[in-house]
């Protein structure tokens, strides 16, 4: 490391809760002397003992060579505003309250040398707002770590409006030197990760509000078709709906009611009812002994004797390989399966001139590999619907049967994830590479959303969004100019392309 980052040898971490302990462990392991401070001295002692125990566990697993040296770098101080000569950086990790943080930094400004840098670990408050109470707001920057800090390698580096120009680059270098992966984000509501995460959650809640599927069905589709580790409702239960509801509301209001970030009316009454999730045993799922309770998927009907027709060659081959009688045209006795991209079954069948009472929709996203999703519209003959379900189940893939909507569930979730990332890129809230890194590391998605959009095809994502906009009239689905431009120009979503600065020589 060079410059200020290379000279940081002693820091003070204020707040010894989960985040403060994690930050302290990370820095001490990286070779930095860490002062730990809290309003309660016993909390500091507990934190030092806790971090020491974690260090010993790492050493026992062969992941740390010299645990004693790490523990020796942990130093207890008497108070957050104790004299701070020799402290290069103060990292604040106290409760998420603007006035509390402002008052703390005002006290620190009186006891810290002028060259000491201040950092806030805030996850939702404005870095600029926190710094506004300082005589020198330029010395403060956001360093948003993620829990658990030693394992979650991502750190959002967030300069405020008055942060000194030299500081963001040095903060990035410092984080890299500690072995973590930094991304640079603007001081906008939700920063980068929380903003990007709204794409999945808001659309999942919208699907639930439209009564198209149960939470477990949406989660199964999200896991099996999109490859997410957790479905959106599992994630909401894990985070706690009391926390997620507040984030949904604050980011939406922070962007002055932007429709693409609009929360669902469903969360407020659920929070009022105490349906938080895992933390209290009941949310979108129930929990017994901390274990999620999920009803088994319904058994599918047997393989039908009636013929099946689909214009999708891939699906046709898949069905034929399973022994389903596939015919080459929409014969009067055939069950009809229509592939959907950004449209409802009713619209797709009407456009193709097919008899609606024999048509069920199928989502082709994911190539029919791990899970099939079948859409049922109100005019479908139940016998034809059971035959269609049985034909799909004969492939050996699990089948999720949902109500017909303006687009299939997996497509809606993915288009929202990608479109949200495109808006972040288009507003220059972060670079394309940092967006992908932050979402992949911070949210655990299988790939970054812009890379994901390129993999599926920007034109496909755009088609889904335009179909949703046309069907619903809802501006939440308006495509980002970043997306529409790149599709028109044949450019990847991950590239910035030519900018005015490129013309300067």
Protein backbone atom coordinates (compact mmCIF):
# COMPACT_ATOMS: atom_id res chain seq x y z
CA UNK A 1 0.00 0.00 0.00
CA UNK A 2 1.12 3.55 -0.68
CA UNK A 3 0.20 6.99 0.62
CA UNK A 4 -2.08 7.30 3.64
CA UNK A 5 -3.33 3.71 3.27
CA UNK A 6 0.19 2.39 3.65
CA UNK A 7 0.73 4.36 6.86
CA UNK A 8 -2.39 3.18 8.70
CA UNK A 9 -0.96 1.24 11.63
CA UNK A 10 -3.42 2.05 14.40
CA UNK A 11 -7.18 2.41 14.23
CA UNK A 12 -9.98 2.84 16.72
CA UNK A 13 -13.23 0.93 16.30
CA UNK A 14 -16.13 2.47 18.21
CA UNK A 15 -19.04 0.16 18.95
CA UNK A 16 -18.28 -3.41 19.95
CA UNK A 17 -21.37 -5.16 18.67
CA UNK A 18 -21.34 -7.73 15.90
CA UNK A 19 -20.04 -5.30 13.27
CA UNK A 20 -17.44 -3.64 15.47
CA UNK A 21 -16.06 -6.99 16.57
CA UNK A 22 -15.82 -8.17 12.98
CA UNK A 23 -14.07 -5.01 11.79
CA UNK A 24 -11.66 -5.25 14.70
CA UNK A 25 -10.84 -8.89 13.91
CA UNK A 26 -10.29 -8.11 10.23
CA UNK A 27 -7.95 -5.19 10.87
CA UNK A 28 -5.97 -6.93 13.63
CA UNK A 29 -5.51 -10.00 11.43
CA UNK A 30 -4.22 -7.68 8.70
CA UNK A 31 -1.50 -6.42 11.05
CA UNK A 32 -3.10 -3.23 12.37
CA UNK A 33 -3.27 -2.29 16.04
CA UNK A 34 -6.96 -1.96 16.92
CA UNK A 35 -8.28 0.12 19.77
CA UNK A 36 -11.77 -1.02 20.77
CA UNK A 37 -14.09 1.46 22.45
CA UNK A 38 -17.68 1.51 23.65
CA UNK A 39 -19.79 3.49 26.08
CA UNK A 40 -19.69 0.38 28.32
CA UNK A 41 -16.21 -0.82 29.30
CA UNK A 42 -17.48 -4.36 29.96
CA UNK A 43 -18.67 -4.50 26.33
CA UNK A 44 -15.08 -3.82 25.23
CA UNK A 45 -13.73 -6.62 27.40
CA UNK A 46 -16.37 -9.00 26.05
CA UNK A 47 -15.47 -8.02 22.48
CA UNK A 48 -11.76 -8.61 23.01
CA UNK A 49 -12.49 -12.02 24.52
CA UNK A 50 -14.84 -12.87 21.65
CA UNK A 51 -12.38 -11.87 18.91
CA UNK A 52 -9.63 -13.76 20.73
CA UNK A 53 -11.79 -16.87 20.69
CA UNK A 54 -12.47 -16.49 16.97
CA UNK A 55 -8.77 -16.06 16.29
CA UNK A 56 -7.99 -19.23 18.24
CA UNK A 57 -10.58 -21.15 16.20
CA UNK A 58 -9.01 -19.96 12.96
CA UNK A 59 -5.58 -20.98 14.20
CA UNK A 60 -6.88 -24.44 15.18
CA UNK A 61 -8.15 -24.86 11.61
CA UNK A 62 -4.79 -23.87 10.19
CA UNK A 63 -6.10 -20.60 8.78
CA UNK A 64 -3.97 -18.32 10.96
CA UNK A 65 -0.28 -18.65 11.78
CA UNK A 66 0.22 -16.44 14.84
CA UNK A 67 -2.96 -15.97 16.91
CA UNK A 68 -1.07 -14.44 19.84
CA UNK A 69 0.23 -11.60 17.67
CA UNK A 70 -3.30 -10.86 16.46
CA UNK A 71 -4.70 -10.85 19.99
CA UNK A 72 -1.87 -8.61 21.18
CA UNK A 73 -2.95 -6.03 18.60
CA UNK A 74 -6.36 -5.66 20.31
CA UNK A 75 -6.28 -2.76 22.76
CA UNK A 76 -9.06 -1.64 25.11
CA UNK A 77 -9.58 2.10 25.55
CA UNK A 78 -11.55 3.74 28.31
CA UNK A 79 -14.08 5.67 26.20
CA UNK A 80 -14.92 6.43 22.56
CA UNK A 81 -13.55 9.96 22.96
CA UNK A 82 -10.40 9.00 24.85
CA UNK A 83 -7.22 10.79 23.67
CA UNK A 84 -6.36 9.48 20.22
CA UNK A 85 -2.77 10.47 19.51
CA UNK A 86 -1.32 8.07 16.96
CA UNK A 87 -4.72 6.87 15.70
CA UNK A 88 -4.76 6.99 11.90
CA UNK A 89 -8.36 5.96 11.36
CA UNK A 90 -11.52 5.84 13.46
CA UNK A 91 -14.26 3.46 12.30
CA UNK A 92 -17.68 4.06 13.84
CA UNK A 93 -20.03 1.08 14.18
CA UNK A 94 -22.66 2.36 16.63
CA UNK A 95 -26.43 2.22 16.30
CA UNK A 96 -28.04 3.46 13.08
CA UNK A 97 -29.13 6.90 14.26
CA UNK A 98 -28.05 10.13 12.57
CA UNK A 99 -27.85 12.31 15.68
CA UNK A 100 -25.95 9.65 17.63
CA UNK A 101 -23.34 9.37 14.90
CA UNK A 102 -23.05 13.14 14.45
CA UNK A 103 -22.55 13.68 18.16
CA UNK A 104 -19.91 10.96 18.30
CA UNK A 105 -17.87 12.42 15.44
CA UNK A 106 -18.15 15.91 16.92
CA UNK A 107 -16.62 14.55 20.13
CA UNK A 108 -13.92 12.73 18.17
CA UNK A 109 -13.03 15.87 16.26
CA UNK A 110 -12.03 17.46 19.58
CA UNK A 111 -9.68 14.66 20.64
CA UNK A 112 -8.26 13.28 17.39
CA UNK A 113 -5.32 14.77 15.51
CA UNK A 114 -6.31 16.73 12.44
CA UNK A 115 -4.87 14.07 10.13
CA UNK A 116 -6.99 11.24 11.62
CA UNK A 117 -9.52 9.97 9.10
CA UNK A 118 -13.08 9.19 10.18
CA UNK A 119 -15.16 6.38 8.72
CA UNK A 120 -18.78 5.41 9.32
CA UNK A 121 -20.07 1.88 8.88
CA UNK A 122 -23.59 3.14 8.24
CA UNK A 123 -25.71 0.95 6.00
CA UNK A 124 -28.55 3.38 5.33
CA UNK A 125 -27.80 6.91 6.51
CA UNK A 126 -26.32 9.60 4.29
CA UNK A 127 -22.55 9.86 4.69
CA UNK A 128 -22.86 13.52 3.73
CA UNK A 129 -25.49 14.01 6.42
CA UNK A 130 -23.30 12.42 9.09
CA UNK A 131 -20.32 14.55 8.06
CA UNK A 132 -22.32 17.77 8.02
CA UNK A 133 -21.78 18.31 11.74
CA UNK A 134 -18.00 18.30 11.45
CA UNK A 135 -15.81 21.38 11.17
CA UNK A 136 -13.91 19.42 8.51
CA UNK A 137 -16.45 17.16 6.75
CA UNK A 138 -13.78 16.20 4.22
CA UNK A 139 -12.13 13.81 6.67
CA UNK A 140 -15.14 11.45 6.83
CA UNK A 141 -15.94 8.60 4.45
CA UNK A 142 -18.31 5.64 4.49
CA UNK A 143 -16.80 2.16 4.89
CA UNK A 144 -19.81 -0.16 4.84
CA UNK A 145 -18.79 -3.66 5.89
CA UNK A 146 -21.14 -6.63 5.70
CA UNK A 147 -21.97 -9.17 8.38
CA UNK A 148 -20.11 -11.38 9.23
CA UNK A 149 -17.21 -9.08 8.44
CA UNK A 150 -14.38 -11.65 8.38
CA UNK A 151 -16.30 -13.84 5.89
CA UNK A 152 -18.14 -11.25 3.79
CA UNK A 153 -15.34 -9.87 1.66
CA UNK A 154 -17.29 -6.91 0.28
CA UNK A 155 -16.86 -3.34 1.53
CA UNK A 156 -18.72 -0.37 0.07
CA UNK A 157 -16.51 2.73 0.01
CA UNK A 158 -18.86 5.72 0.02
CA UNK A 159 -17.49 9.28 -0.17
CA UNK A 160 -19.75 12.08 0.98
CA UNK A 161 -20.30 15.27 -0.97
CA UNK A 162 -17.39 16.98 0.84
CA UNK A 163 -15.04 14.02 1.35
CA UNK A 164 -11.49 14.99 0.36
CA UNK A 165 -10.71 13.96 -3.21
CA UNK A 166 -7.70 11.86 -2.21
CA UNK A 167 -9.54 9.80 0.38
CA UNK A 168 -11.75 7.41 -1.68
CA UNK A 169 -8.79 6.00 -3.62
CA UNK A 170 -6.79 5.53 -0.44
CA UNK A 171 -9.75 3.89 1.29
CA UNK A 172 -10.06 1.43 -1.61
CA UNK A 173 -6.38 0.61 -1.27
CA UNK A 174 -6.68 0.16 2.49
CA UNK A 175 -9.56 -2.29 2.17
CA UNK A 176 -7.68 -4.31 -0.45
CA UNK A 177 -4.67 -4.37 1.86
CA UNK A 178 -6.84 -5.91 4.56
CA UNK A 179 -7.78 -8.70 2.15
CA UNK A 180 -11.31 -7.56 1.32
CA UNK A 181 -12.91 -6.46 -1.97
CA UNK A 182 -13.93 -2.79 -2.09
CA UNK A 183 -16.41 -1.17 -4.44
CA UNK A 184 -16.90 2.55 -4.89
CA UNK A 185 -20.49 3.76 -4.49
CA UNK A 186 -22.08 7.18 -4.46
CA UNK A 187 -23.80 8.50 -1.37
CA UNK A 188 -27.28 7.68 -2.69
CA UNK A 189 -30.12 5.92 -0.84
CA UNK A 190 -29.17 2.32 -0.20
CA UNK A 191 -25.65 2.92 -1.55
CA UNK A 192 -25.03 0.03 -3.97
CA UNK A 193 -25.97 -3.36 -2.51
CA UNK A 194 -29.21 -2.38 -0.79
CA UNK A 195 -30.30 -0.47 -3.89
CA UNK A 196 -29.49 -3.35 -6.23
CA UNK A 197 -31.24 -5.81 -3.93
CA UNK A 198 -34.58 -4.05 -4.38
CA UNK A 199 -34.90 -5.55 -7.86
CA UNK A 200 -35.57 -9.03 -6.51
CA UNK A 201 -37.56 -8.20 -3.39
CA UNK A 202 -39.93 -5.60 -4.78
CA UNK A 203 -40.85 -7.77 -7.77
CA UNK A 204 -41.33 -10.89 -5.65
CA UNK A 205 -43.68 -8.95 -3.39
CA UNK A 206 -45.52 -7.60 -6.44
CA UNK A 207 -46.00 -11.16 -7.73
CA UNK A 208 -47.37 -12.17 -4.32
CA UNK A 209 -49.66 -9.13 -4.24
CA UNK A 210 -51.08 -10.22 -7.60
CA UNK A 211 -51.81 -13.65 -6.04
CA UNK A 212 -50.02 -15.46 -8.87
CA UNK A 213 -48.15 -17.91 -6.64
CA UNK A 214 -47.36 -18.76 -3.04
CA UNK A 215 -44.05 -17.67 -1.48
CA UNK A 216 -42.66 -21.23 -1.59
CA UNK A 217 -43.47 -21.47 -5.31
CA UNK A 218 -41.71 -18.19 -6.06
CA UNK A 219 -38.71 -19.30 -4.01
CA UNK A 220 -38.48 -22.65 -5.79
CA UNK A 221 -38.51 -20.93 -9.17
CA UNK A 222 -35.89 -18.41 -8.01
CA UNK A 223 -33.58 -21.14 -6.76
CA UNK A 224 -34.00 -23.72 -9.52
CA UNK A 225 -34.46 -21.53 -12.59
CA UNK A 226 -32.36 -18.50 -11.64
CA UNK A 227 -29.82 -20.32 -9.47
CA UNK A 228 -30.22 -18.13 -6.39
CA UNK A 229 -29.04 -19.61 -3.09
CA UNK A 230 -32.13 -18.32 -1.34
CA UNK A 231 -35.48 -17.36 -2.79
CA UNK A 232 -36.71 -13.81 -2.15
CA UNK A 233 -39.13 -14.80 0.62
CA UNK A 234 -36.56 -17.02 2.31
CA UNK A 235 -34.22 -14.03 2.20
CA UNK A 236 -36.83 -11.67 3.64
CA UNK A 237 -37.43 -14.15 6.48
CA UNK A 238 -33.69 -14.46 7.10
CA UNK A 239 -33.09 -10.71 7.19
CA UNK A 240 -36.25 -10.04 9.17
CA UNK A 241 -39.21 -8.27 7.60
CA UNK A 242 -39.05 -5.52 10.23
CA UNK A 243 -35.59 -4.63 8.87
CA UNK A 244 -36.41 -5.22 5.20
CA UNK A 245 -39.64 -3.22 5.33
CA UNK A 246 -37.77 -0.20 6.68
CA UNK A 247 -35.13 -0.52 3.95
CA UNK A 248 -37.77 -0.89 1.22
CA UNK A 249 -39.57 2.21 2.43
CA UNK A 250 -36.46 4.33 2.98
CA UNK A 251 -34.89 3.65 -0.42
CA UNK A 252 -38.20 4.27 -2.20
CA UNK A 253 -38.72 7.57 -0.38
CA UNK A 254 -35.04 8.44 -0.78
CA UNK A 255 -35.50 8.34 -4.56
CA UNK A 256 -38.68 10.43 -4.22
CA UNK A 257 -41.11 7.64 -5.01
CA UNK A 258 -39.45 6.23 -8.13
CA UNK A 259 -42.00 3.61 -9.31
CA UNK A 260 -39.34 0.98 -10.04
CA UNK A 261 -38.53 0.91 -6.30
CA UNK A 262 -42.12 0.98 -5.08
CA UNK A 263 -42.63 -1.26 -2.02
CA UNK A 264 -45.62 -3.54 -1.59
CA UNK A 265 -48.62 -2.83 0.59
CA UNK A 266 -48.16 -6.38 1.93
CA UNK A 267 -45.21 -5.66 4.20
CA UNK A 268 -46.71 -3.04 6.51
CA UNK A 269 -49.53 -5.21 7.95
CA UNK A 270 -47.18 -8.18 8.21
CA UNK A 271 -44.73 -6.10 10.25
CA UNK A 272 -47.59 -4.86 12.43
CA UNK A 273 -48.58 -8.49 13.00
CA UNK A 274 -45.03 -9.40 14.04
CA UNK A 275 -44.46 -11.76 11.09
CA UNK A 276 -40.75 -10.99 10.95
CA UNK A 277 -39.37 -14.38 9.92
CA UNK A 278 -36.74 -16.61 11.47
CA UNK A 279 -36.02 -14.28 14.39
CA UNK A 280 -39.43 -14.90 15.96
CA UNK A 281 -40.50 -18.14 14.31
CA UNK A 282 -43.07 -16.96 11.79
CA UNK A 283 -42.87 -14.96 8.59
CA UNK A 284 -43.60 -16.01 5.05
CA UNK A 285 -42.75 -19.46 6.43
CA UNK A 286 -43.21 -21.00 9.85
CA UNK A 287 -40.18 -22.22 11.80
CA UNK A 288 -40.08 -25.11 14.24
CA UNK A 289 -36.94 -25.28 16.33
CA UNK A 290 -35.37 -22.77 13.97
CA UNK A 291 -36.03 -25.02 10.98
CA UNK A 292 -38.15 -23.82 8.07
CA UNK A 293 -41.46 -25.63 7.64
CA UNK A 294 -42.43 -26.04 3.98
CA UNK A 295 -45.32 -28.05 2.60
CA UNK A 296 -44.43 -30.69 0.03
CA UNK A 297 -45.06 -29.88 -3.59
CA UNK A 298 -48.32 -31.36 -4.88
CA UNK A 299 -48.04 -34.62 -6.80
CA UNK A 300 -48.28 -34.18 -10.56
CA UNK A 301 -50.85 -36.03 -12.69
CA UNK A 302 -49.63 -39.04 -14.69
CA UNK A 303 -48.27 -38.78 -18.21
CA UNK A 304 -51.24 -38.10 -20.51
CA UNK A 305 -52.42 -40.35 -23.31
CA UNK A 306 -53.57 -37.32 -25.28
CA UNK A 307 -51.12 -35.74 -27.75
CA UNK A 308 -49.22 -32.55 -26.99
CA UNK A 309 -48.19 -29.78 -29.34
CA UNK A 310 -45.67 -27.00 -28.82
CA UNK A 311 -43.96 -24.76 -31.33
CA UNK A 312 -40.83 -24.72 -29.14
CA UNK A 313 -38.44 -27.26 -30.69
CA UNK A 314 -36.35 -27.61 -27.53
CA UNK A 315 -39.41 -28.33 -25.39
CA UNK A 316 -40.77 -30.67 -28.07
CA UNK A 317 -37.57 -32.74 -28.01
CA UNK A 318 -37.55 -32.78 -24.22
CA UNK A 319 -41.13 -34.05 -24.08
CA UNK A 320 -40.56 -36.64 -26.80
CA UNK A 321 -37.51 -37.98 -24.97
CA UNK A 322 -39.77 -38.52 -21.95
CA UNK A 323 -42.18 -40.62 -23.98
CA UNK A 324 -44.84 -37.94 -24.37
CA UNK A 325 -46.81 -38.18 -27.62
CA UNK A 326 -45.82 -34.93 -29.36
CA UNK A 327 -47.62 -34.00 -32.59
CA UNK A 328 -46.46 -31.58 -35.29
CA UNK A 329 -49.51 -29.28 -35.27
CA UNK A 330 -52.29 -27.99 -33.05
CA UNK A 331 -54.66 -30.86 -33.74
CA UNK A 332 -58.18 -30.63 -32.25
CA UNK A 333 -57.45 -33.32 -29.63
CA UNK A 334 -54.00 -31.97 -28.66
CA UNK A 335 -52.99 -30.19 -25.48
CA UNK A 336 -51.13 -27.00 -26.38
CA UNK A 337 -48.05 -25.67 -24.58
CA UNK A 338 -47.04 -22.12 -25.48
CA UNK A 339 -43.59 -20.72 -24.59
CA UNK A 340 -43.80 -17.23 -23.04
CA UNK A 341 -41.39 -14.32 -23.21
CA UNK A 342 -42.66 -11.16 -21.58
CA UNK A 343 -46.33 -11.94 -22.15
CA UNK A 344 -49.27 -13.82 -20.68
CA UNK A 345 -50.54 -17.17 -21.90
CA UNK A 346 -53.75 -15.51 -23.06
CA UNK A 347 -51.89 -12.94 -25.15
CA UNK A 348 -49.46 -15.49 -26.61
CA UNK A 349 -52.24 -17.94 -27.53
CA UNK A 350 -54.43 -15.23 -28.99
CA UNK A 351 -51.55 -13.94 -31.10
CA UNK A 352 -50.91 -17.48 -32.39
CA UNK A 353 -54.60 -18.10 -33.08
CA UNK A 354 -54.79 -21.07 -30.70
CA UNK A 355 -57.93 -22.26 -28.87
CA UNK A 356 -57.55 -20.89 -25.35
CA UNK A 357 -59.33 -23.73 -23.56
CA UNK A 358 -56.48 -26.13 -24.46
CA UNK A 359 -53.51 -23.78 -23.95
CA UNK A 360 -51.15 -23.64 -20.97
CA UNK A 361 -48.08 -21.40 -20.84
CA UNK A 362 -44.51 -22.55 -20.18
CA UNK A 363 -41.50 -20.46 -19.23
CA UNK A 364 -38.50 -21.25 -21.50
CA UNK A 365 -36.04 -19.25 -19.37
CA UNK A 366 -33.32 -21.58 -18.16
CA UNK A 367 -33.72 -23.99 -21.07
CA UNK A 368 -36.14 -26.36 -19.28
CA UNK A 369 -33.21 -27.80 -17.35
CA UNK A 370 -33.98 -27.85 -13.62
CA UNK A 371 -37.59 -26.75 -13.06
CA UNK A 372 -40.53 -26.10 -15.37
CA UNK A 373 -43.11 -23.41 -14.69
CA UNK A 374 -46.61 -23.77 -16.13
CA UNK A 375 -49.10 -20.89 -16.27
CA UNK A 376 -52.84 -21.50 -15.90
CA UNK A 377 -55.32 -18.91 -17.21
CA UNK A 378 -59.00 -18.76 -16.20
CA UNK A 379 -60.29 -20.13 -19.50
CA UNK A 380 -58.19 -23.33 -19.46
CA UNK A 381 -60.15 -26.59 -19.46
CA UNK A 382 -59.10 -28.37 -16.23
CA UNK A 383 -58.68 -31.70 -18.02
CA UNK A 384 -56.38 -30.09 -20.57
CA UNK A 385 -54.49 -28.39 -17.75
CA UNK A 386 -53.93 -31.69 -15.93
CA UNK A 387 -52.73 -33.29 -19.15
CA UNK A 388 -50.30 -30.43 -19.75
CA UNK A 389 -49.00 -30.69 -16.19
CA UNK A 390 -48.58 -34.45 -16.51
CA UNK A 391 -46.71 -34.08 -19.79
CA UNK A 392 -44.25 -31.62 -18.27
CA UNK A 393 -43.80 -33.76 -15.14
CA UNK A 394 -43.03 -36.79 -17.33
CA UNK A 395 -39.68 -35.14 -18.14
CA UNK A 396 -38.56 -35.80 -14.56
CA UNK A 397 -38.23 -32.11 -13.77
CA UNK A 398 -40.25 -30.62 -10.93
CA UNK A 399 -43.14 -28.49 -12.19
CA UNK A 400 -44.46 -25.35 -10.52
CA UNK A 401 -48.01 -24.50 -11.54
CA UNK A 402 -48.95 -20.83 -11.16
CA UNK A 403 -51.69 -18.45 -12.19
CA UNK A 404 -51.18 -16.76 -15.52
CA UNK A 405 -49.74 -13.26 -15.28
CA UNK A 406 -48.27 -10.62 -17.57
CA UNK A 407 -45.01 -12.61 -17.77
CA UNK A 408 -43.57 -15.78 -16.14
CA UNK A 409 -42.26 -15.47 -12.59
CA UNK A 410 -38.56 -16.15 -13.27
CA UNK A 411 -38.57 -13.66 -16.15
CA UNK A 412 -40.12 -10.96 -13.98
CA UNK A 413 -37.58 -11.48 -11.21
CA UNK A 414 -34.59 -11.53 -13.55
CA UNK A 415 -35.73 -8.55 -15.61
CA UNK A 416 -36.20 -6.53 -12.42
CA UNK A 417 -32.76 -7.51 -11.11
CA UNK A 418 -31.06 -6.57 -14.39
CA UNK A 419 -33.08 -3.40 -14.96
CA UNK A 420 -32.34 -2.12 -11.44
CA UNK A 421 -28.62 -2.65 -12.04
CA UNK A 422 -28.91 -0.83 -15.38
CA UNK A 423 -30.50 2.17 -13.67
CA UNK A 424 -27.64 2.22 -11.13
CA UNK A 425 -25.10 2.12 -13.96
CA UNK A 426 -26.96 4.70 -16.02
CA UNK A 427 -27.07 7.15 -13.11
CA UNK A 428 -23.33 6.60 -12.53
CA UNK A 429 -23.97 5.54 -8.94
CA UNK A 430 -21.26 2.90 -9.45
CA UNK A 431 -19.22 1.44 -12.30
CA UNK A 432 -20.52 -1.66 -14.13
CA UNK A 433 -17.74 -3.83 -12.72
CA UNK A 434 -18.38 -2.62 -9.17
CA UNK A 435 -22.12 -3.23 -9.56
CA UNK A 436 -21.49 -6.83 -10.57
CA UNK A 437 -18.91 -7.38 -7.83
CA UNK A 438 -21.12 -5.88 -5.14
CA UNK A 439 -24.19 -7.92 -6.06
CA UNK A 440 -22.25 -11.15 -6.45
CA UNK A 441 -20.40 -10.81 -3.13
CA UNK A 442 -22.96 -8.85 -1.13
CA UNK A 443 -26.15 -10.63 -2.22
CA UNK A 444 -24.75 -14.02 -3.19
CA UNK A 445 -26.22 -14.06 -6.68
CA UNK A 446 -24.64 -16.59 -9.05
CA UNK A 447 -23.30 -13.76 -11.22
CA UNK A 448 -23.40 -9.99 -11.40
CA UNK A 449 -26.68 -8.59 -12.79
CA UNK A 450 -25.13 -6.88 -15.81
CA UNK A 451 -23.16 -9.99 -16.74
CA UNK A 452 -26.35 -11.96 -16.16
CA UNK A 453 -28.25 -9.68 -18.51
CA UNK A 454 -25.61 -10.20 -21.20
CA UNK A 455 -25.77 -13.97 -20.69
CA UNK A 456 -29.55 -14.08 -21.15
CA UNK A 457 -29.44 -11.35 -23.78
CA UNK A 458 -30.14 -7.68 -23.29
CA UNK A 459 -32.72 -7.92 -26.06
CA UNK A 460 -34.55 -10.67 -24.14
CA UNK A 461 -34.57 -8.60 -20.94
CA UNK A 462 -35.83 -5.59 -22.89
CA UNK A 463 -38.56 -7.70 -24.50
CA UNK A 464 -39.75 -8.86 -21.07
CA UNK A 465 -39.80 -5.32 -19.66
CA UNK A 466 -41.61 -3.89 -22.66
CA UNK A 467 -44.16 -6.69 -22.47
CA UNK A 468 -44.74 -6.01 -18.78
CA UNK A 469 -45.08 -2.27 -19.41
CA UNK A 470 -47.59 -2.82 -22.22
CA UNK A 471 -49.64 -5.35 -20.25
CA UNK A 472 -49.75 -3.52 -16.92
CA UNK A 473 -49.20 0.16 -17.75
CA UNK A 474 -47.07 0.22 -14.61
CA UNK A 475 -44.04 2.56 -14.86
CA UNK A 476 -42.14 0.27 -12.47
CA UNK A 477 -41.24 -1.75 -15.58
CA UNK A 478 -39.93 1.08 -17.73
CA UNK A 479 -36.61 -0.04 -19.22
CA UNK A 480 -33.46 1.79 -18.23
CA UNK A 481 -31.90 3.95 -20.97
CA UNK A 482 -28.67 2.08 -20.20
CA UNK A 483 -30.42 -1.11 -21.33
CA UNK A 484 -32.24 0.30 -24.36
CA UNK A 485 -29.15 2.08 -25.70
CA UNK A 486 -26.93 -0.96 -25.43
CA UNK A 487 -29.46 -3.24 -27.07
CA UNK A 488 -29.87 -0.74 -29.93
CA UNK A 489 -26.09 -0.41 -30.33
CA UNK A 490 -25.25 -4.09 -29.86
CA UNK A 491 -23.09 -3.29 -26.83
CA UNK A 492 -22.73 -5.42 -23.68
CA UNK A 493 -24.51 -4.19 -20.56
CA UNK A 494 -21.18 -4.41 -18.76
CA UNK A 495 -19.48 -1.73 -20.86
CA UNK A 496 -19.58 2.00 -20.37
CA UNK A 497 -19.00 2.67 -24.05
CA UNK A 498 -17.80 5.98 -25.40
CA UNK A 499 -18.21 8.99 -23.11
CA UNK A 500 -17.47 12.69 -23.64
CA UNK A 501 -14.24 12.30 -21.66
CA UNK A 502 -13.01 9.85 -24.30
CA UNK A 503 -13.03 12.71 -26.82
CA UNK A 504 -10.61 14.79 -24.76
CA UNK A 505 -6.98 14.53 -25.80
